[in-house]
Amino acid sequence: MKIDGTRRQDRATELVLNYYAAFNRGDWEGMLAMLTDDVVHDLNQGARETGREAFATFLGRMNASYREQLRDIVVLVTQDGQHAAAEYVVHGEYHHTDEGLPPANGQTYVLPGGAFFDIRDDRIARVTNYYNLQDWIRQVSGESP
């Protein structure tokens, strides 16, 4: 298959890959530009937030406590381009304590994760993130598997 950007499936695949490329660059404005104004964000094992402003606040919290890179990204998209899923491996450093979580002192972690997307008008309208929080806590706490 040749991805030429004319099919909705191709455009959605490119959108999700560009979203993660912006994440890996720390380009928060670039990420936000790919979202609808009313984007729905389902935080891992947490609340649902709505709107680009709430998403920007989330990115600020993440940036304050974590440095992360996503690798081995695989994106699957429905033929109509309205839904996508991604799987990846997070390589991170926990450098500042996040409220309610173990103390940070530069611990590193490697953690598989995934996300589900709704796409509307060539923008991301929903992001639902998942990773194993207990595994992350175990890694940053120095516990054995």
N, C-alpha and C. Protein backbone atom coordinates (compact mmCIF):
# COMPACT_ATOMS: atom_id res chain seq x y z
N MET A 1 0.84 -1.17 0.00
CA MET A 1 0.00 0.00 0.00
C MET A 1 0.89 1.24 0.00
N LYS A 2 0.53 2.16 -0.82
CA LYS A 2 1.24 3.43 -0.86
C LYS A 2 0.44 4.45 -0.07
N ILE A 3 1.08 5.05 0.92
CA ILE A 3 0.43 6.10 1.70
C ILE A 3 0.69 7.41 0.98
N ASP A 4 -0.39 8.00 0.45
CA ASP A 4 -0.21 9.22 -0.33
C ASP A 4 -0.98 10.40 0.25
N GLY A 5 -1.62 10.22 1.40
CA GLY A 5 -2.29 11.33 2.06
C GLY A 5 -3.66 11.66 1.52
N THR A 6 -4.13 10.89 0.54
CA THR A 6 -5.45 11.21 -0.02
C THR A 6 -6.56 10.42 0.66
N ARG A 7 -6.23 9.32 1.27
CA ARG A 7 -7.24 8.51 1.95
C ARG A 7 -7.34 8.95 3.40
N ARG A 8 -8.56 8.89 3.95
CA ARG A 8 -8.75 9.26 5.36
C ARG A 8 -7.89 8.41 6.29
N GLN A 9 -7.76 7.14 5.96
CA GLN A 9 -6.95 6.24 6.79
C GLN A 9 -5.49 6.71 6.79
N ASP A 10 -4.98 7.09 5.64
CA ASP A 10 -3.60 7.58 5.55
C ASP A 10 -3.43 8.87 6.35
N ARG A 11 -4.38 9.79 6.21
CA ARG A 11 -4.28 11.07 6.91
C ARG A 11 -4.35 10.86 8.42
N ALA A 12 -5.19 9.94 8.87
CA ALA A 12 -5.30 9.67 10.30
C ALA A 12 -4.01 9.03 10.83
N THR A 13 -3.42 8.12 10.07
CA THR A 13 -2.15 7.51 10.46
C THR A 13 -1.08 8.59 10.58
N GLU A 14 -1.00 9.46 9.60
CA GLU A 14 -0.01 10.54 9.62
C GLU A 14 -0.27 11.48 10.79
N LEU A 15 -1.52 11.78 11.09
CA LEU A 15 -1.86 12.65 12.21
C LEU A 15 -1.35 12.08 13.53
N VAL A 16 -1.62 10.80 13.78
CA VAL A 16 -1.19 10.18 15.03
C VAL A 16 0.34 10.11 15.11
N LEU A 17 0.98 9.76 14.01
CA LEU A 17 2.45 9.72 14.01
C LEU A 17 3.04 11.11 14.23
N ASN A 18 2.43 12.14 13.64
CA ASN A 18 2.90 13.51 13.85
C ASN A 18 2.68 13.96 15.29
N TYR A 19 1.57 13.54 15.88
CA TYR A 19 1.26 13.84 17.28
C TYR A 19 2.37 13.29 18.18
N TYR A 20 2.76 12.03 17.95
CA TYR A 20 3.82 11.44 18.77
C TYR A 20 5.20 12.01 18.44
N ALA A 21 5.43 12.40 17.21
CA ALA A 21 6.70 13.06 16.88
C ALA A 21 6.81 14.38 17.62
N ALA A 22 5.70 15.13 17.69
CA ALA A 22 5.69 16.39 18.44
C ALA A 22 5.94 16.12 19.92
N PHE A 23 5.32 15.06 20.45
CA PHE A 23 5.55 14.69 21.85
C PHE A 23 7.03 14.43 22.09
N ASN A 24 7.65 13.64 21.24
CA ASN A 24 9.06 13.29 21.42
C ASN A 24 9.97 14.51 21.31
N ARG A 25 9.55 15.54 20.57
CA ARG A 25 10.33 16.78 20.46
C ARG A 25 10.05 17.73 21.62
N GLY A 26 9.02 17.43 22.41
CA GLY A 26 8.60 18.37 23.46
C GLY A 26 7.89 19.58 22.88
N ASP A 27 7.29 19.40 21.72
CA ASP A 27 6.59 20.48 21.01
C ASP A 27 5.13 20.48 21.43
N TRP A 28 4.87 21.06 22.62
CA TRP A 28 3.50 21.03 23.16
C TRP A 28 2.54 21.83 22.29
N GLU A 29 2.98 22.95 21.76
CA GLU A 29 2.10 23.75 20.89
C GLU A 29 1.75 22.97 19.62
N GLY A 30 2.72 22.24 19.10
CA GLY A 30 2.45 21.41 17.93
C GLY A 30 1.43 20.32 18.23
N MET A 31 1.55 19.71 19.41
CA MET A 31 0.57 18.69 19.81
C MET A 31 -0.82 19.31 19.93
N LEU A 32 -0.90 20.44 20.61
CA LEU A 32 -2.19 21.09 20.83
C LEU A 32 -2.86 21.48 19.52
N ALA A 33 -2.06 21.85 18.52
CA ALA A 33 -2.61 22.25 17.22
C ALA A 33 -3.28 21.08 16.50
N MET A 34 -2.95 19.86 16.89
CA MET A 34 -3.54 18.68 16.26
C MET A 34 -4.84 18.23 16.93
N LEU A 35 -5.26 18.95 17.97
CA LEU A 35 -6.46 18.57 18.72
C LEU A 35 -7.63 19.45 18.35
N THR A 36 -8.84 18.89 18.46
CA THR A 36 -10.04 19.71 18.33
C THR A 36 -10.15 20.59 19.57
N ASP A 37 -10.91 21.68 19.46
CA ASP A 37 -11.11 22.56 20.62
C ASP A 37 -11.76 21.83 21.78
N ASP A 38 -12.63 20.86 21.46
CA ASP A 38 -13.38 20.12 22.49
C ASP A 38 -12.81 18.73 22.73
N VAL A 39 -11.51 18.57 22.52
CA VAL A 39 -10.88 17.25 22.67
C VAL A 39 -11.22 16.64 24.03
N VAL A 40 -11.46 15.34 24.02
CA VAL A 40 -11.70 14.58 25.24
C VAL A 40 -10.43 13.81 25.55
N HIS A 41 -9.96 13.93 26.81
CA HIS A 41 -8.73 13.26 27.21
C HIS A 41 -9.04 12.38 28.41
N ASP A 42 -8.94 11.07 28.21
CA ASP A 42 -9.11 10.10 29.29
C ASP A 42 -7.73 9.77 29.82
N LEU A 43 -7.44 10.26 31.03
CA LEU A 43 -6.15 10.00 31.65
C LEU A 43 -6.09 8.56 32.13
N ASN A 44 -4.92 7.99 32.08
CA ASN A 44 -4.74 6.61 32.54
C ASN A 44 -5.24 6.48 33.98
N GLN A 45 -6.17 5.57 34.20
CA GLN A 45 -6.70 5.27 35.52
C GLN A 45 -7.10 6.55 36.26
N GLY A 46 -7.64 7.51 35.52
CA GLY A 46 -8.01 8.78 36.13
C GLY A 46 -9.24 9.38 35.50
N ALA A 47 -9.35 10.66 35.63
CA ALA A 47 -10.54 11.39 35.21
C ALA A 47 -10.55 11.65 33.71
N ARG A 48 -11.70 12.06 33.22
CA ARG A 48 -11.85 12.52 31.85
C ARG A 48 -11.80 14.04 31.87
N GLU A 49 -10.97 14.61 31.02
CA GLU A 49 -10.87 16.06 30.89
C GLU A 49 -11.32 16.45 29.49
N THR A 50 -11.88 17.63 29.37
CA THR A 50 -12.39 18.07 28.07
C THR A 50 -11.83 19.44 27.73
N GLY A 51 -11.40 19.59 26.49
CA GLY A 51 -10.95 20.87 25.98
C GLY A 51 -9.45 20.97 25.81
N ARG A 52 -9.06 21.77 24.85
CA ARG A 52 -7.64 21.97 24.54
C ARG A 52 -6.91 22.62 25.72
N GLU A 53 -7.58 23.53 26.43
CA GLU A 53 -6.95 24.19 27.57
C GLU A 53 -6.63 23.19 28.68
N ALA A 54 -7.57 22.28 28.96
CA ALA A 54 -7.33 21.24 29.97
C ALA A 54 -6.17 20.36 29.53
N PHE A 55 -6.09 20.06 28.24
CA PHE A 55 -5.00 19.24 27.73
C PHE A 55 -3.67 19.96 27.90
N ALA A 56 -3.66 21.27 27.66
CA ALA A 56 -2.44 22.05 27.83
C ALA A 56 -1.99 22.03 29.29
N THR A 57 -2.94 22.11 30.21
CA THR A 57 -2.62 22.05 31.64
C THR A 57 -2.01 20.69 31.98
N PHE A 58 -2.59 19.62 31.42
CA PHE A 58 -2.05 18.27 31.62
C PHE A 58 -0.61 18.19 31.12
N LEU A 59 -0.35 18.72 29.92
CA LEU A 59 1.01 18.69 29.38
C LEU A 59 1.98 19.43 30.29
N GLY A 60 1.53 20.53 30.87
CA GLY A 60 2.37 21.28 31.81
C GLY A 60 2.73 20.46 33.04
N ARG A 61 1.73 19.73 33.56
CA ARG A 61 1.99 18.86 34.72
C ARG A 61 2.98 17.76 34.35
N MET A 62 2.77 17.17 33.19
CA MET A 62 3.69 16.10 32.75
C MET A 62 5.11 16.63 32.57
N ASN A 63 5.23 17.77 31.94
CA ASN A 63 6.54 18.35 31.67
C ASN A 63 7.27 18.70 32.97
N ALA A 64 6.52 19.06 34.01
CA ALA A 64 7.13 19.43 35.28
C ALA A 64 7.75 18.23 36.00
N SER A 65 7.25 17.03 35.75
CA SER A 65 7.70 15.86 36.52
C SER A 65 8.41 14.78 35.71
N TYR A 66 8.22 14.76 34.40
CA TYR A 66 8.70 13.63 33.59
C TYR A 66 9.41 14.13 32.34
N ARG A 67 10.39 13.33 31.91
CA ARG A 67 10.99 13.46 30.59
C ARG A 67 10.79 12.11 29.93
N GLU A 68 10.06 12.10 28.84
CA GLU A 68 9.73 10.82 28.21
C GLU A 68 9.95 10.87 26.70
N GLN A 69 10.28 9.70 26.19
CA GLN A 69 10.36 9.46 24.75
C GLN A 69 9.57 8.20 24.46
N LEU A 70 8.80 8.23 23.40
CA LEU A 70 8.05 7.05 22.98
C LEU A 70 8.79 6.40 21.83
N ARG A 71 8.97 5.09 21.94
CA ARG A 71 9.68 4.34 20.89
C ARG A 71 8.84 3.16 20.46
N ASP A 72 9.23 2.56 19.35
CA ASP A 72 8.55 1.37 18.81
C ASP A 72 7.06 1.63 18.64
N ILE A 73 6.71 2.78 18.09
CA ILE A 73 5.31 3.18 17.93
C ILE A 73 4.68 2.42 16.76
N VAL A 74 3.54 1.81 17.04
CA VAL A 74 2.74 1.13 16.02
C VAL A 74 1.37 1.77 16.03
N VAL A 75 0.88 2.17 14.85
CA VAL A 75 -0.42 2.82 14.74
C VAL A 75 -1.34 1.99 13.85
N LEU A 76 -2.55 1.77 14.33
CA LEU A 76 -3.59 1.07 13.57
C LEU A 76 -4.76 2.04 13.41
N VAL A 77 -5.33 2.10 12.20
CA VAL A 77 -6.39 3.05 11.92
C VAL A 77 -7.51 2.35 11.15
N THR A 78 -8.75 2.69 11.50
CA THR A 78 -9.88 2.15 10.76
C THR A 78 -9.87 2.71 9.34
N GLN A 79 -10.51 2.00 8.45
CA GLN A 79 -10.49 2.40 7.04
C GLN A 79 -11.12 3.77 6.83
N ASP A 80 -12.13 4.12 7.64
CA ASP A 80 -12.77 5.43 7.49
C ASP A 80 -11.97 6.56 8.14
N GLY A 81 -10.89 6.22 8.83
CA GLY A 81 -10.02 7.22 9.43
C GLY A 81 -10.58 7.89 10.67
N GLN A 82 -11.65 7.35 11.24
CA GLN A 82 -12.28 7.99 12.40
C GLN A 82 -11.77 7.47 13.75
N HIS A 83 -11.12 6.33 13.74
CA HIS A 83 -10.62 5.73 14.97
C HIS A 83 -9.21 5.21 14.74
N ALA A 84 -8.37 5.37 15.77
CA ALA A 84 -7.00 4.88 15.67
C ALA A 84 -6.58 4.33 17.04
N ALA A 85 -5.59 3.47 17.00
CA ALA A 85 -4.99 2.95 18.23
C ALA A 85 -3.48 2.96 18.02
N ALA A 86 -2.76 3.17 19.10
CA ALA A 86 -1.30 3.17 19.04
C ALA A 86 -0.76 2.37 20.21
N GLU A 87 0.31 1.68 19.94
CA GLU A 87 1.05 0.97 20.98
C GLU A 87 2.48 1.48 20.91
N TYR A 88 3.12 1.60 22.07
CA TYR A 88 4.46 2.16 22.12
C TYR A 88 5.15 1.72 23.41
N VAL A 89 6.42 2.05 23.50
CA VAL A 89 7.18 1.82 24.73
C VAL A 89 7.67 3.18 25.21
N VAL A 90 7.35 3.51 26.46
CA VAL A 90 7.77 4.77 27.07
C VAL A 90 9.13 4.55 27.73
N HIS A 91 10.07 5.41 27.39
CA HIS A 91 11.37 5.45 28.06
C HIS A 91 11.40 6.79 28.78
N GLY A 92 11.40 6.74 30.11
CA GLY A 92 11.25 7.99 30.83
C GLY A 92 12.16 8.16 32.01
N GLU A 93 12.15 9.41 32.49
CA GLU A 93 12.84 9.79 33.72
C GLU A 93 11.86 10.57 34.57
N TYR A 94 11.78 10.20 35.83
CA TYR A 94 10.90 10.84 36.79
C TYR A 94 11.76 11.80 37.61
N HIS A 95 11.69 13.11 37.29
CA HIS A 95 12.64 14.05 37.86
C HIS A 95 12.06 15.00 38.91
N HIS A 96 10.76 15.05 39.05
CA HIS A 96 10.14 15.93 40.05
C HIS A 96 8.88 15.25 40.55
N THR A 97 8.71 15.16 41.86
CA THR A 97 7.59 14.41 42.43
C THR A 97 6.24 14.92 41.93
N ASP A 98 5.44 14.00 41.44
CA ASP A 98 4.08 14.27 40.99
C ASP A 98 3.15 13.97 42.17
N GLU A 99 2.23 14.87 42.45
CA GLU A 99 1.35 14.74 43.61
C GLU A 99 0.66 13.38 43.66
N GLY A 100 0.75 12.75 44.84
CA GLY A 100 0.11 11.46 45.06
C GLY A 100 0.91 10.26 44.61
N LEU A 101 2.11 10.49 44.09
CA LEU A 101 2.95 9.40 43.59
C LEU A 101 4.25 9.35 44.40
N PRO A 102 5.02 8.28 44.24
CA PRO A 102 6.27 8.16 45.01
C PRO A 102 7.20 9.35 44.76
N PRO A 103 8.11 9.61 45.69
CA PRO A 103 9.07 10.71 45.51
C PRO A 103 9.95 10.48 44.27
N ALA A 104 10.25 11.57 43.59
CA ALA A 104 11.11 11.51 42.39
C ALA A 104 12.54 11.88 42.76
N ASN A 105 13.47 11.14 42.14
CA ASN A 105 14.89 11.49 42.29
C ASN A 105 15.66 11.06 41.04
N GLY A 106 15.03 11.24 39.89
CA GLY A 106 15.71 10.91 38.64
C GLY A 106 15.60 9.47 38.22
N GLN A 107 14.65 8.72 38.80
CA GLN A 107 14.48 7.32 38.43
C GLN A 107 14.11 7.20 36.94
N THR A 108 14.62 6.15 36.32
CA THR A 108 14.26 5.87 34.94
C THR A 108 13.31 4.68 34.90
N TYR A 109 12.55 4.62 33.82
CA TYR A 109 11.59 3.53 33.66
C TYR A 109 11.38 3.26 32.18
N VAL A 110 10.98 2.02 31.89
CA VAL A 110 10.62 1.59 30.55
C VAL A 110 9.29 0.87 30.70
N LEU A 111 8.30 1.33 29.97
CA LEU A 111 6.93 0.91 30.22
C LEU A 111 6.14 0.85 28.93
N PRO A 112 5.53 -0.30 28.62
CA PRO A 112 4.66 -0.33 27.45
C PRO A 112 3.40 0.49 27.71
N GLY A 113 2.87 1.08 26.67
CA GLY A 113 1.65 1.86 26.80
C GLY A 113 0.87 1.83 25.50
N GLY A 114 -0.29 2.44 25.55
CA GLY A 114 -1.12 2.51 24.37
C GLY A 114 -2.11 3.64 24.47
N ALA A 115 -2.73 3.94 23.35
CA ALA A 115 -3.73 5.01 23.31
C ALA A 115 -4.75 4.70 22.23
N PHE A 116 -5.94 5.23 22.45
CA PHE A 116 -7.03 5.13 21.49
C PHE A 116 -7.45 6.55 21.12
N PHE A 117 -7.79 6.74 19.86
CA PHE A 117 -8.10 8.07 19.34
C PHE A 117 -9.42 8.06 18.58
N ASP A 118 -10.16 9.16 18.71
CA ASP A 118 -11.24 9.49 17.78
C ASP A 118 -10.71 10.64 16.95
N ILE A 119 -11.00 10.62 15.67
CA ILE A 119 -10.49 11.65 14.77
C ILE A 119 -11.68 12.27 14.04
N ARG A 120 -11.71 13.60 14.04
CA ARG A 120 -12.79 14.35 13.40
C ARG A 120 -12.18 15.53 12.66
N ASP A 121 -12.53 15.69 11.40
CA ASP A 121 -12.05 16.82 10.60
C ASP A 121 -10.52 16.94 10.62
N ASP A 122 -9.87 15.80 10.50
CA ASP A 122 -8.39 15.73 10.45
C ASP A 122 -7.72 16.27 11.71
N ARG A 123 -8.42 16.17 12.83
CA ARG A 123 -7.88 16.54 14.14
C ARG A 123 -8.23 15.45 15.14
N ILE A 124 -7.48 15.38 16.22
CA ILE A 124 -7.73 14.39 17.27
C ILE A 124 -8.83 14.94 18.17
N ALA A 125 -9.92 14.18 18.30
CA ALA A 125 -11.07 14.60 19.11
C ALA A 125 -11.13 13.86 20.45
N ARG A 126 -10.42 12.75 20.55
CA ARG A 126 -10.36 12.01 21.83
C ARG A 126 -9.03 11.28 21.90
N VAL A 127 -8.42 11.30 23.10
CA VAL A 127 -7.22 10.51 23.39
C VAL A 127 -7.50 9.77 24.69
N THR A 128 -7.42 8.46 24.65
CA THR A 128 -7.54 7.64 25.85
C THR A 128 -6.23 6.90 26.03
N ASN A 129 -5.51 7.22 27.11
CA ASN A 129 -4.19 6.64 27.35
C ASN A 129 -4.26 5.48 28.33
N TYR A 130 -3.37 4.51 28.12
CA TYR A 130 -3.29 3.39 29.06
C TYR A 130 -1.84 2.97 29.23
N TYR A 131 -1.46 2.74 30.47
CA TYR A 131 -0.22 2.06 30.82
C TYR A 131 -0.46 1.42 32.18
N ASN A 132 0.42 0.53 32.57
CA ASN A 132 0.26 -0.18 33.83
C ASN A 132 0.86 0.67 34.96
N LEU A 133 0.00 1.38 35.68
CA LEU A 133 0.47 2.27 36.74
C LEU A 133 1.21 1.52 37.83
N GLN A 134 0.75 0.33 38.17
CA GLN A 134 1.43 -0.45 39.23
C GLN A 134 2.84 -0.84 38.81
N ASP A 135 3.03 -1.15 37.53
CA ASP A 135 4.37 -1.47 37.03
C ASP A 135 5.25 -0.22 37.11
N TRP A 136 4.70 0.93 36.73
CA TRP A 136 5.46 2.18 36.81
C TRP A 136 5.87 2.46 38.25
N ILE A 137 4.93 2.33 39.20
CA ILE A 137 5.23 2.57 40.62
C ILE A 137 6.31 1.60 41.09
N ARG A 138 6.21 0.35 40.68
CA ARG A 138 7.22 -0.64 41.06
C ARG A 138 8.59 -0.21 40.55
N GLN A 139 8.67 0.24 39.30
CA GLN A 139 9.95 0.63 38.72
C GLN A 139 10.54 1.85 39.42
N VAL A 140 9.74 2.88 39.67
CA VAL A 140 10.31 4.09 40.28
C VAL A 140 10.55 3.91 41.78
N SER A 141 9.94 2.89 42.37
CA SER A 141 10.16 2.61 43.79
C SER A 141 11.32 1.66 44.01
N GLY A 142 11.87 1.11 42.92
CA GLY A 142 13.01 0.20 43.03
C GLY A 142 12.64 -1.20 43.48
N GLU A 143 11.38 -1.57 43.35
CA GLU A 143 10.93 -2.92 43.76
C GLU A 143 11.22 -3.91 42.65
N SER A 144 11.43 -5.16 43.02
CA SER A 144 11.64 -6.24 42.05
C SER A 144 10.31 -6.67 41.47
N PRO A 145 10.33 -7.17 40.23
CA PRO A 145 9.07 -7.63 39.61
C PRO A 145 8.48 -8.84 40.32
